[in-house]
Amino acid sequence: MMTEKYLPIYSTNGLNNAILIKSLLTSFNIPAKTYQESAGVAMGLVSGPLGQAFVYVPESLVADAKTVIQAYENNELAAPDAPEETKDDLD
């Protein structure tokens, strides 16, 4: 069984930011993985070469992932409206 090749599509300072992007992508059904040099993780670095973290996605989903990230960065994502039956519960 062959596994699909993952490609880096996003880099950021610190693993926490990469995990946020990974969570965003997985909410759009795009599998993602994060990576940061282990020495940087162990030392808690969030800047410089050892503090840089990466997000990887399957090669076939690179374009979709970039679209989602661009929409996030441009503040174009919105939460869905609440279903009608729960709107009354919020009052």
Protein backbone atom coordinates (compact mmCIF):
# COMPACT_ATOMS: atom_id res chain seq x y z
CA MET A 1 0.00 0.00 0.00
CA MET A 2 1.42 3.36 -1.03
CA THR A 3 0.91 6.41 1.09
CA GLU A 4 0.48 9.80 -0.45
CA LYS A 5 3.40 12.19 -0.28
CA TYR A 6 2.95 15.11 2.12
CA LEU A 7 4.29 18.53 1.14
CA PRO A 8 5.05 21.56 3.32
CA ILE A 9 2.55 24.35 2.67
CA TYR A 10 2.90 26.66 5.66
CA SER A 11 5.66 27.74 7.99
CA THR A 12 5.37 29.78 11.15
CA ASN A 13 7.22 30.63 14.33
CA GLY A 14 6.50 28.06 17.01
CA LEU A 15 4.65 24.78 17.07
CA ASN A 16 1.50 26.27 18.62
CA ASN A 17 0.83 28.38 15.52
CA ALA A 18 1.37 25.35 13.30
CA ILE A 19 -1.06 23.32 15.40
CA LEU A 20 -3.67 26.08 15.01
CA ILE A 21 -3.34 25.90 11.20
CA LYS A 22 -3.45 22.09 11.33
CA SER A 23 -6.71 22.28 13.31
CA LEU A 24 -8.15 24.75 10.81
CA LEU A 25 -7.31 22.44 7.91
CA THR A 26 -8.68 19.33 9.59
CA SER A 27 -11.94 21.20 10.22
CA PHE A 28 -12.18 21.38 6.41
CA ASN A 29 -11.45 17.63 6.12
CA ILE A 30 -7.90 18.25 4.95
CA PRO A 31 -5.49 15.94 6.79
CA ALA A 32 -2.42 17.79 8.04
CA LYS A 33 0.75 17.11 9.97
CA THR A 34 3.01 19.47 11.90
CA TYR A 35 6.75 19.38 12.32
CA GLN A 36 9.31 21.36 14.29
CA GLU A 37 12.92 20.42 14.88
CA SER A 38 12.95 18.40 18.10
CA ALA A 39 15.68 20.55 19.68
CA GLY A 40 13.50 23.60 19.17
CA VAL A 41 10.53 21.87 20.76
CA ALA A 42 12.61 20.70 23.74
CA MET A 43 13.93 24.20 24.35
CA GLY A 44 10.59 25.92 23.72
CA LEU A 45 11.97 28.04 20.88
CA VAL A 46 9.53 30.05 18.79
CA SER A 47 11.95 32.03 16.64
CA GLY A 48 15.00 31.36 14.53
CA PRO A 49 15.71 28.20 12.54
CA LEU A 50 14.98 25.84 15.44
CA GLY A 51 11.75 27.68 16.30
CA GLN A 52 10.30 27.42 12.82
CA ALA A 53 7.39 24.96 12.52
CA PHE A 54 5.83 23.55 9.36
CA VAL A 55 2.43 22.25 8.29
CA TYR A 56 2.31 19.46 5.73
CA VAL A 57 -0.68 18.21 3.70
CA PRO A 58 -1.14 15.48 1.09
CA GLU A 59 0.12 16.51 -2.32
CA SER A 60 -3.36 16.16 -3.85
CA LEU A 61 -4.82 18.67 -1.36
CA VAL A 62 -2.17 21.41 -1.51
CA ALA A 63 -4.36 23.79 -3.55
CA ASP A 64 -7.37 23.29 -1.25
CA ALA A 65 -5.24 23.82 1.85
CA LYS A 66 -3.73 27.01 0.48
CA THR A 67 -7.22 28.32 -0.32
CA VAL A 68 -8.39 27.69 3.26
CA ILE A 69 -5.28 29.30 4.76
CA GLN A 70 -5.60 32.33 2.49
CA ALA A 71 -9.25 32.76 3.48
CA TYR A 72 -8.24 32.52 7.16
CA GLU A 73 -5.44 35.06 6.76
CA ASN A 74 -7.79 37.44 4.89
CA ASN A 75 -10.44 37.14 7.63
CA GLU A 76 -12.90 35.63 5.14
CA LEU A 77 -14.01 32.65 7.24
CA ALA A 78 -17.24 32.93 9.18
CA ALA A 79 -18.91 30.71 11.71
CA PRO A 80 -22.06 29.04 10.40
CA ASP A 81 -25.40 30.42 11.49
CA ALA A 82 -27.01 28.66 14.42
CA PRO A 83 -29.88 26.34 13.50
CA GLU A 84 -33.31 27.93 13.94
CA GLU A 85 -34.26 25.67 16.85
CA THR A 86 -31.26 26.81 18.92
CA LYS A 87 -31.63 30.54 18.24
CA ASP A 88 -34.52 30.76 20.73
CA ASP A 89 -32.35 29.04 23.37
CA LEU A 90 -29.78 31.84 23.07
CA ASP A 91 -32.23 34.61 24.05
